[in-house]
Each structure stands twice: as structure tokens, then as C-alpha cells.
Amino acid sequence: MHAITALLNLATVIFIVSTMLAAGLGSTLAALGGVLRKGALVALVLVANLVLVPLIGWATAAVFSLATPA
């Protein structure tokens, strides 16, 4: 059972890394620069990902009375 869990964790990491690598290689520097020039949009995305998403996760755990992970 431990071997299967380790294998699934490894497969997940490989999938995530390969997906991010493919997405990164598929975009150009001009496209990246165009997005980064929109400062307000970048700030909103950072607030959403660094503040709102954790708060939503915390609220969901509180609503469903989920146990604290080990």
C-alpha cells in the first residue's frame, strides 16, 4: 500500500511539472511582458490567490468541520 501511495505521489509531481513546463514553453516573452504591464490585474490576481483562496479553504473546512491534517 505504501508503494502505491509513493507511486501515485510521484506520478502527480511528474504530471504537474510537465504541465507547467509545457505551458511555460508555449508562451512568448512578448506575451508575458504584455500581461505584466497590467499592474492592476496582476495585483488583483495576487490578492485572489494569496488571500481569497486560503480564506475560502479555511471557511470550507470550518463549515464542514473537517479535521486538522496531521
N, C-alpha and C. Protein backbone atom coordinates (compact mmCIF):
# COMPACT_ATOMS: atom_id res chain seq x y z
N MET A 1 0.82 -1.20 0.00
CA MET A 1 0.00 0.00 0.00
C MET A 1 0.86 1.26 0.00
N HIS A 2 1.97 1.21 0.76
CA HIS A 2 2.87 2.35 0.82
C HIS A 2 3.52 2.60 -0.54
N ALA A 3 3.82 1.52 -1.26
CA ALA A 3 4.44 1.65 -2.58
C ALA A 3 3.49 2.30 -3.57
N ILE A 4 2.22 1.96 -3.49
CA ILE A 4 1.23 2.54 -4.40
C ILE A 4 1.06 4.03 -4.12
N THR A 5 1.03 4.40 -2.86
CA THR A 5 0.92 5.81 -2.50
C THR A 5 2.13 6.60 -2.99
N ALA A 6 3.31 6.04 -2.81
CA ALA A 6 4.52 6.71 -3.29
C ALA A 6 4.51 6.84 -4.81
N LEU A 7 4.07 5.82 -5.49
CA LEU A 7 4.00 5.85 -6.95
C LEU A 7 2.99 6.89 -7.44
N LEU A 8 1.85 6.97 -6.79
CA LEU A 8 0.86 7.98 -7.17
C LEU A 8 1.35 9.39 -6.88
N ASN A 9 2.05 9.58 -5.78
CA ASN A 9 2.62 10.90 -5.48
C ASN A 9 3.66 11.29 -6.52
N LEU A 10 4.49 10.35 -6.94
CA LEU A 10 5.50 10.62 -7.96
C LEU A 10 4.83 10.95 -9.30
N ALA A 11 3.79 10.20 -9.65
CA ALA A 11 3.08 10.47 -10.90
C ALA A 11 2.43 11.85 -10.87
N THR A 12 1.91 12.25 -9.73
CA THR A 12 1.30 13.58 -9.60
C THR A 12 2.34 14.67 -9.79
N VAL A 13 3.49 14.52 -9.18
CA VAL A 13 4.55 15.52 -9.32
C VAL A 13 5.02 15.60 -10.76
N ILE A 14 5.20 14.47 -11.42
CA ILE A 14 5.62 14.47 -12.82
C ILE A 14 4.58 15.14 -13.70
N PHE A 15 3.32 14.88 -13.46
CA PHE A 15 2.25 15.49 -14.23
C PHE A 15 2.24 17.01 -14.05
N ILE A 16 2.36 17.47 -12.83
CA ILE A 16 2.33 18.91 -12.56
C ILE A 16 3.53 19.61 -13.20
N VAL A 17 4.71 19.04 -13.03
CA VAL A 17 5.92 19.65 -13.59
C VAL A 17 5.85 19.68 -15.11
N SER A 18 5.43 18.59 -15.73
CA SER A 18 5.37 18.56 -17.19
C SER A 18 4.31 19.52 -17.73
N THR A 19 3.20 19.66 -17.04
CA THR A 19 2.16 20.60 -17.47
C THR A 19 2.65 22.04 -17.36
N MET A 20 3.30 22.37 -16.26
CA MET A 20 3.82 23.73 -16.10
C MET A 20 4.93 24.03 -17.10
N LEU A 21 5.78 23.04 -17.37
CA LEU A 21 6.84 23.22 -18.35
C LEU A 21 6.26 23.45 -19.74
N ALA A 22 5.25 22.67 -20.11
CA ALA A 22 4.62 22.85 -21.42
C ALA A 22 3.95 24.21 -21.54
N ALA A 23 3.31 24.66 -20.47
CA ALA A 23 2.67 25.98 -20.50
C ALA A 23 3.71 27.08 -20.60
N GLY A 24 4.80 26.94 -19.89
CA GLY A 24 5.85 27.95 -19.92
C GLY A 24 6.54 28.01 -21.27
N LEU A 25 6.78 26.87 -21.88
CA LEU A 25 7.44 26.85 -23.19
C LEU A 25 6.51 27.30 -24.30
N GLY A 26 5.22 27.27 -24.04
CA GLY A 26 4.24 27.67 -25.05
C GLY A 26 3.97 29.16 -25.10
N SER A 27 4.47 29.90 -24.13
CA SER A 27 4.24 31.35 -24.12
C SER A 27 5.52 32.09 -24.51
N THR A 28 5.34 33.26 -25.11
CA THR A 28 6.48 34.06 -25.55
C THR A 28 6.79 35.14 -24.52
N LEU A 29 7.99 35.70 -24.62
CA LEU A 29 8.35 36.79 -23.72
C LEU A 29 7.48 38.02 -23.96
N ALA A 30 7.09 38.24 -25.21
CA ALA A 30 6.23 39.38 -25.51
C ALA A 30 4.86 39.22 -24.83
N ALA A 31 4.32 38.02 -24.86
CA ALA A 31 3.03 37.77 -24.21
C ALA A 31 3.14 37.93 -22.70
N LEU A 32 4.23 37.44 -22.13
CA LEU A 32 4.44 37.57 -20.69
C LEU A 32 4.61 39.04 -20.29
N GLY A 33 5.37 39.78 -21.09
CA GLY A 33 5.55 41.21 -20.82
C GLY A 33 4.25 41.98 -20.93
N GLY A 34 3.40 41.61 -21.89
CA GLY A 34 2.11 42.27 -22.04
C GLY A 34 1.22 42.07 -20.84
N VAL A 35 1.26 40.89 -20.28
CA VAL A 35 0.44 40.62 -19.09
C VAL A 35 0.98 41.37 -17.88
N LEU A 36 2.31 41.37 -17.72
CA LEU A 36 2.91 42.02 -16.54
C LEU A 36 2.79 43.53 -16.58
N ARG A 37 2.53 44.12 -17.74
CA ARG A 37 2.35 45.57 -17.83
C ARG A 37 1.02 46.01 -17.23
N LYS A 38 0.10 45.10 -17.06
CA LYS A 38 -1.21 45.42 -16.47
C LYS A 38 -1.10 45.25 -14.96
N GLY A 39 -0.58 46.28 -14.29
CA GLY A 39 -0.29 46.20 -12.87
C GLY A 39 -1.50 45.93 -12.00
N ALA A 40 -2.63 46.56 -12.32
CA ALA A 40 -3.84 46.36 -11.51
C ALA A 40 -4.33 44.92 -11.60
N LEU A 41 -4.25 44.35 -12.79
CA LEU A 41 -4.68 42.96 -12.97
C LEU A 41 -3.76 42.00 -12.22
N VAL A 42 -2.46 42.25 -12.27
CA VAL A 42 -1.51 41.41 -11.55
C VAL A 42 -1.77 41.50 -10.05
N ALA A 43 -2.03 42.70 -9.54
CA ALA A 43 -2.31 42.88 -8.12
C ALA A 43 -3.59 42.14 -7.71
N LEU A 44 -4.62 42.22 -8.53
CA LEU A 44 -5.87 41.51 -8.22
C LEU A 44 -5.67 40.00 -8.21
N VAL A 45 -4.90 39.50 -9.15
CA VAL A 45 -4.63 38.06 -9.20
C VAL A 45 -3.85 37.61 -7.97
N LEU A 46 -2.85 38.42 -7.56
CA LEU A 46 -2.10 38.07 -6.37
C LEU A 46 -2.97 38.07 -5.12
N VAL A 47 -3.83 39.08 -4.99
CA VAL A 47 -4.73 39.12 -3.83
C VAL A 47 -5.67 37.91 -3.85
N ALA A 48 -6.19 37.59 -5.02
CA ALA A 48 -7.11 36.45 -5.11
C ALA A 48 -6.41 35.15 -4.72
N ASN A 49 -5.20 34.94 -5.21
CA ASN A 49 -4.51 33.67 -4.96
C ASN A 49 -3.85 33.59 -3.60
N LEU A 50 -3.41 34.70 -3.06
CA LEU A 50 -2.70 34.65 -1.79
C LEU A 50 -3.57 34.98 -0.58
N VAL A 51 -4.74 35.56 -0.81
CA VAL A 51 -5.62 35.92 0.31
C VAL A 51 -6.97 35.20 0.20
N LEU A 52 -7.65 35.37 -0.92
CA LEU A 52 -9.01 34.84 -1.03
C LEU A 52 -9.05 33.31 -1.06
N VAL A 53 -8.17 32.68 -1.83
CA VAL A 53 -8.21 31.21 -1.92
C VAL A 53 -7.95 30.56 -0.56
N PRO A 54 -6.93 30.98 0.21
CA PRO A 54 -6.78 30.40 1.55
C PRO A 54 -7.98 30.65 2.46
N LEU A 55 -8.57 31.85 2.37
CA LEU A 55 -9.75 32.12 3.19
C LEU A 55 -10.93 31.23 2.81
N ILE A 56 -11.09 30.99 1.52
CA ILE A 56 -12.17 30.09 1.07
C ILE A 56 -11.92 28.68 1.59
N GLY A 57 -10.66 28.24 1.52
CA GLY A 57 -10.34 26.90 2.05
C GLY A 57 -10.57 26.81 3.54
N TRP A 58 -10.18 27.84 4.27
CA TRP A 58 -10.40 27.85 5.72
C TRP A 58 -11.89 27.84 6.04
N ALA A 59 -12.67 28.65 5.32
CA ALA A 59 -14.11 28.71 5.56
C ALA A 59 -14.78 27.38 5.22
N THR A 60 -14.34 26.75 4.14
CA THR A 60 -14.91 25.45 3.76
C THR A 60 -14.62 24.41 4.84
N ALA A 61 -13.39 24.41 5.36
CA ALA A 61 -13.05 23.47 6.43
C ALA A 61 -13.86 23.74 7.68
N ALA A 62 -14.12 25.02 7.97
CA ALA A 62 -14.92 25.34 9.16
C ALA A 62 -16.37 24.95 8.98
N VAL A 63 -16.92 25.17 7.78
CA VAL A 63 -18.33 24.84 7.54
C VAL A 63 -18.57 23.34 7.62
N PHE A 64 -17.63 22.56 7.07
CA PHE A 64 -17.81 21.10 7.05
C PHE A 64 -17.16 20.41 8.25
N SER A 65 -16.63 21.18 9.18
CA SER A 65 -15.99 20.65 10.39
C SER A 65 -14.94 19.59 10.06
N LEU A 66 -14.06 19.93 9.14
CA LEU A 66 -13.02 18.99 8.73
C LEU A 66 -11.94 18.91 9.80
N ALA A 67 -11.37 17.73 9.96
CA ALA A 67 -10.31 17.54 10.95
C ALA A 67 -9.03 18.20 10.46
N THR A 68 -8.21 18.62 11.41
CA THR A 68 -6.92 19.22 11.06
C THR A 68 -6.00 18.12 10.55
N PRO A 69 -5.33 18.34 9.40
CA PRO A 69 -4.43 17.31 8.88
C PRO A 69 -3.22 17.11 9.81
N ALA A 70 -2.65 15.95 9.73
CA ALA A 70 -1.52 15.60 10.60
C ALA A 70 -0.32 16.47 10.34
